[in-house]
C-alpha atoms as a PDB file:
ATOM      1  CA  UNK A   1      93.232  34.642 199.794  1.00  0.00           C
ATOM      2  CA  UNK A   2      95.185  31.817 198.491  1.00  0.00           C
ATOM      3  CA  UNK A   3      98.002  32.768 195.690  1.00  0.00           C
ATOM      4  CA  UNK A   4      99.783  29.520 193.530  1.00  0.00           C
ATOM      5  CA  UNK A   5     102.916  30.562 192.260  1.00  0.00           C
ATOM      6  CA  UNK A   6     104.841  28.262 189.471  1.00  0.00           C
ATOM      7  CA  UNK A   7     108.141  29.104 189.103  1.00  0.00           C
ATOM      8  CA  UNK A   8     110.202  28.376 186.040  1.00  0.00           C
ATOM      9  CA  UNK A   9     113.801  28.473 186.995  1.00  0.00           C
ATOM     10  CA  UNK A  10     116.116  30.004 184.523  1.00  0.00           C
ATOM     11  CA  UNK A  11     119.679  28.085 183.093  1.00  0.00           C
ATOM     12  CA  UNK A  12     121.903  28.082 180.335  1.00  0.00           C
ATOM     13  CA  UNK A  13     119.778  26.010 177.951  1.00  0.00           C
ATOM     14  CA  UNK A  14     116.300  27.205 179.626  1.00  0.00           C
ATOM     15  CA  UNK A  15     113.691  28.071 176.495  1.00  0.00           C
ATOM     16  CA  UNK A  16     110.443  29.718 177.617  1.00  0.00           C
ATOM     17  CA  UNK A  17     107.292  31.242 175.087  1.00  0.00           C
ATOM     18  CA  UNK A  18     105.912  34.264 176.713  1.00  0.00           C
ATOM     19  CA  UNK A  19     103.579  34.500 174.047  1.00  0.00           C
ATOM     20  CA  UNK A  20     102.729  31.089 173.702  1.00  0.00           C
ATOM     21  CA  UNK A  21     102.321  30.765 177.746  1.00  0.00           C
ATOM     22  CA  UNK A  22     100.014  34.384 177.661  1.00  0.00           C
ATOM     23  CA  UNK A  23      97.974  33.949 175.121  1.00  0.00           C
ATOM     24  CA  UNK A  24      97.769  30.057 175.048  1.00  0.00           C
ATOM     25  CA  UNK A  25      98.177  28.256 178.057  1.00  0.00           C
ATOM     26  CA  UNK A  26      96.970  30.840 180.616  1.00  0.00           C
ATOM     27  CA  UNK A  27      93.815  31.049 178.800  1.00  0.00           C
ATOM     28  CA  UNK A  28      92.947  27.542 179.084  1.00  0.00           C
ATOM     29  CA  UNK A  29      93.869  27.261 182.531  1.00  0.00           C
ATOM     30  CA  UNK A  30      91.058  30.361 183.534  1.00  0.00           C
ATOM     31  CA  UNK A  31      88.750  28.431 181.740  1.00  0.00           C
ATOM     32  CA  UNK A  32      89.381  24.874 182.586  1.00  0.00           C
ATOM     33  CA  UNK A  33      89.409  26.435 186.481  1.00  0.00           C
ATOM     34  CA  UNK A  34      86.372  28.550 185.659  1.00  0.00           C
ATOM     35  CA  UNK A  35      85.183  30.899 188.907  1.00  0.00           C
ATOM     36  CA  UNK A  36      87.368  29.017 191.214  1.00  0.00           C
ATOM     37  CA  UNK A  37      90.361  30.899 189.821  1.00  0.00           C
ATOM     38  CA  UNK A  38      89.762  34.516 190.846  1.00  0.00           C
ATOM     39  CA  UNK A  39      93.408  36.257 189.114  1.00  0.00           C
ATOM     40  CA  UNK A  40      96.048  35.237 187.447  1.00  0.00           C
ATOM     41  CA  UNK A  41      99.207  37.432 186.718  1.00  0.00           C
ATOM     42  CA  UNK A  42     102.423  36.257 184.649  1.00  0.00           C
ATOM     43  CA  UNK A  43     106.126  37.774 185.181  1.00  0.00           C
ATOM     44  CA  UNK A  44     109.291  37.334 182.796  1.00  0.00           C
ATOM     45  CA  UNK A  45     112.242  37.360 184.523  1.00  0.00           C
ATOM     46  CA  UNK A  46     114.839  40.099 183.227  1.00  0.00           C
ATOM     47  CA  UNK A  47     117.739  40.525 185.290  1.00  0.00           C
ATOM     48  CA  UNK A  48     118.972  38.514 188.958  1.00  0.00           C
ATOM     49  CA  UNK A  49     120.031  41.186 192.023  1.00  0.00           C
ATOM     50  CA  UNK A  50     123.285  41.734 190.306  1.00  0.00           C
ATOM     51  CA  UNK A  51     123.145  44.185 187.515  1.00  0.00           C
ATOM     52  CA  UNK A  52     123.555  42.225 184.152  1.00  0.00           C
ATOM     53  CA  UNK A  53     122.883  38.924 185.845  1.00  0.00           C
ATOM     54  CA  UNK A  54     120.252  36.479 184.372  1.00  0.00           C
ATOM     55  CA  UNK A  55     117.440  35.759 186.378  1.00  0.00           C
ATOM     56  CA  UNK A  56     117.039  33.412 188.785  1.00  0.00           C
ATOM     57  CA  UNK A  57     113.590  32.611 186.855  1.00  0.00           C
ATOM     58  CA  UNK A  58     112.471  32.964 183.614  1.00  0.00           C
ATOM     59  CA  UNK A  59     108.906  33.267 184.436  1.00  0.00           C
ATOM     60  CA  UNK A  60     106.503  33.361 186.820  1.00  0.00           C
ATOM     61  CA  UNK A  61     103.047  32.450 186.739  1.00  0.00           C
ATOM     62  CA  UNK A  62     100.139  32.940 189.658  1.00  0.00           C
ATOM     63  CA  UNK A  63      96.558  31.923 190.376  1.00  0.00           C
ATOM     64  CA  UNK A  64      95.098  33.179 192.884  1.00  0.00           C
ATOM     65  CA  UNK A  65      92.102  31.801 194.794  1.00  0.00           C
ATOM     66  CA  UNK A  66      89.696  32.010 197.699  1.00  0.00           C
ATOM     67  CA  UNK A  67      90.889  29.005 199.378  1.00  0.00           C
ATOM     68  CA  UNK A  68      93.061  26.036 199.121  1.00  0.00           C
ATOM     69  CA  UNK A  69      90.407  23.559 199.388  1.00  0.00           C
ATOM     70  CA  UNK A  70      88.896  25.852 195.881  1.00  0.00           C
ATOM     71  CA  UNK A  71      92.613  25.254 194.490  1.00  0.00           C
ATOM     72  CA  UNK A  72      92.363  21.855 195.234  1.00  0.00           C
ATOM     73  CA  UNK A  73      88.580  21.246 193.892  1.00  0.00           C
ATOM     74  CA  UNK A  74      89.270  23.250 190.502  1.00  0.00           C
ATOM     75  CA  UNK A  75      92.641  21.993 189.958  1.00  0.00           C
ATOM     76  CA  UNK A  76      92.649  18.413 191.064  1.00  0.00           C
ATOM     77  CA  UNK A  77      90.251  17.485 187.988  1.00  0.00           C
ATOM     78  CA  UNK A  78      92.291  19.869 185.691  1.00  0.00           C
ATOM     79  CA  UNK A  79      96.073  18.572 186.582  1.00  0.00           C
ATOM     80  CA  UNK A  80      96.382  16.754 183.521  1.00  0.00           C
ATOM     81  CA  UNK A  81      95.669  18.293 180.586  1.00  0.00           C
ATOM     82  CA  UNK A  82      97.434  21.914 182.128  1.00  0.00           C
ATOM     83  CA  UNK A  83     100.632  19.861 183.398  1.00  0.00           C
ATOM     84  CA  UNK A  84     100.365  18.096 179.656  1.00  0.00           C
ATOM     85  CA  UNK A  85     100.598  21.488 178.242  1.00  0.00           C
ATOM     86  CA  UNK A  86     103.578  23.052 179.534  1.00  0.00           C
ATOM     87  CA  UNK A  87     106.414  21.185 177.250  1.00  0.00           C
ATOM     88  CA  UNK A  88     104.535  23.297 174.556  1.00  0.00           C
ATOM     89  CA  UNK A  89     106.026  26.762 176.124  1.00  0.00           C
ATOM     90  CA  UNK A  90     109.428  25.256 178.099  1.00  0.00           C
ATOM     91  CA  UNK A  91     111.887  23.015 178.773  1.00  0.00           C
ATOM     92  CA  UNK A  92     112.052  24.164 182.626  1.00  0.00           C
ATOM     93  CA  UNK A  93     111.002  22.044 185.597  1.00  0.00           C
ATOM     94  CA  UNK A  94     108.310  24.168 187.044  1.00  0.00           C
ATOM     95  CA  UNK A  95     108.330  24.385 191.132  1.00  0.00           C
ATOM     96  CA  UNK A  96     105.162  25.061 192.788  1.00  0.00           C
ATOM     97  CA  UNK A  97     104.288  27.099 195.750  1.00  0.00           C
ATOM     98  CA  UNK A  98     101.331  27.765 197.518  1.00  0.00           C
ATOM     99  CA  UNK A  99     101.050  31.047 199.967  1.00  0.00           C
ATOM    100  CA  UNK A 100      98.337  32.574 202.178  1.00  0.00           C
ATOM    101  CA  UNK A 101      98.042  36.159 200.933  1.00  0.00           C
ATOM    102  CA  UNK A 102      98.489  38.593 203.802  1.00  0.00           C
ATOM    103  CA  UNK A 103      98.239  41.826 202.776  1.00  0.00           C
END
């Protein structure tokens, strides 16, 4: 299993519309990626390590695929539409990490 994590760094002027992300963006991603997408989750950062400190990431999205090839095959043709939607919910520049799920 491969997990694609989309991490949205937090900052002083960072804005993130979690309602739009969960209700519009992620359903669009699900539709565009089809059966290759095995699972999704969305997380909203609430704090850093120190009590009361800001979360280093304002939000995170995670996509699960059977393999890296499955992700690449399904995402490639849809990348432009998915990326074009980012300004509709945030001004944060996402960081992508691809991981192999081991447990």
